[in-house]
Structures are given as structure tokens and as C-alpha cells.
Protein backbone atom coordinates (compact mmCIF):
# COMPACT_ATOMS: atom_id res chain seq x y z
CA UNK A 1 4.37 7.69 39.99
CA UNK A 2 0.67 7.89 39.33
CA UNK A 3 -1.13 7.29 36.04
CA UNK A 4 -4.73 8.33 35.36
CA UNK A 5 -6.77 6.17 33.01
CA UNK A 6 -10.52 5.88 32.55
CA UNK A 7 -11.14 8.08 35.60
CA UNK A 8 -9.01 5.84 37.81
CA UNK A 9 -5.62 6.60 39.30
CA UNK A 10 -2.99 3.85 39.38
CA UNK A 11 0.13 4.22 41.54
CA UNK A 12 3.40 2.50 40.61
CA UNK A 13 6.90 2.34 42.10
CA UNK A 14 8.58 2.58 38.71
CA UNK A 15 7.99 3.13 35.01
CA UNK A 16 8.57 -0.57 34.23
CA UNK A 17 5.72 -1.60 36.54
CA UNK A 18 3.43 0.96 34.91
CA UNK A 19 4.25 -0.42 31.45
CA UNK A 20 3.66 -3.99 32.57
CA UNK A 21 0.21 -3.10 33.94
CA UNK A 22 -1.02 -0.42 31.53
CA UNK A 23 0.48 -0.96 28.05
CA UNK A 24 -1.82 -2.51 25.44
CA UNK A 25 -0.73 -5.78 23.82
CA UNK A 26 -0.35 -6.15 20.05
CA UNK A 27 -2.94 -8.62 18.81
CA UNK A 28 -0.57 -9.85 16.09
CA UNK A 29 2.81 -10.34 17.77
CA UNK A 30 1.65 -10.25 21.43
CA UNK A 31 4.24 -7.72 22.68
CA UNK A 32 3.37 -4.79 24.90
CA UNK A 33 3.10 -1.57 22.91
CA UNK A 34 5.30 1.13 24.42
CA UNK A 35 4.92 4.49 22.75
CA UNK A 36 3.21 4.65 19.40
CA UNK A 37 0.80 1.94 18.26
CA UNK A 38 -2.23 1.56 16.03
CA UNK A 39 -5.77 1.12 17.32
CA UNK A 40 -8.30 -0.21 14.82
CA UNK A 41 -11.90 -0.74 15.92
CA UNK A 42 -10.82 -1.37 19.52
CA UNK A 43 -7.92 -3.68 18.59
CA UNK A 44 -4.28 -2.69 19.24
CA UNK A 45 -1.27 -3.38 17.02
CA UNK A 46 2.42 -2.36 17.09
CA UNK A 47 2.01 -0.64 13.73
CA UNK A 48 0.33 -0.74 10.34
CA UNK A 49 2.28 -3.82 9.25
CA UNK A 50 0.87 -5.94 12.08
CA UNK A 51 -2.63 -4.51 11.55
CA UNK A 52 -2.51 -5.45 7.85
CA UNK A 53 -1.21 -8.93 8.77
CA UNK A 54 -4.41 -9.36 10.81
CA UNK A 55 -6.57 -8.37 7.83
CA UNK A 56 -7.14 -4.69 8.71
CA UNK A 57 -7.23 -2.57 5.54
CA UNK A 58 -6.34 1.06 4.95
CA UNK A 59 -3.96 1.43 7.90
CA UNK A 60 -0.83 3.48 7.23
CA UNK A 61 2.09 4.27 9.55
CA UNK A 62 2.98 7.95 9.77
CA UNK A 63 6.64 8.68 10.28
């Protein structure tokens, strides 16, 4: 599989390898974010709860 990011193409044997290399890491709980996450001023979080725990205000999860 190939994944394009920032004008570069990355080639992986499987989806798990792509996740390991490409997924952002939550700055609160340190897990890799797979799927939906929250980016605030260049910082990534699993969701609004973790963003608020790190002092980010006004972040709301949309369900």
C-alpha cells in the first residue's frame, strides 16, 4: 500500500505498519491516534477530553 503525505509517498506492506509510522501521537495519553483526533495549534490529542486535560480551551468533540 502507498500513502501520500506532505508531497511524499510512503510504501508499506500492511496497514499496521502504516499506522505505526504515520499516525500522530496523543500528547496527553501518548497513544497513536487511529481515525478521528483533535489537532489544536499543531498539537494532537485523542479527543476533546485529552485536549482539555492539557489546558486547551474551547475544544468540543462532535459525535
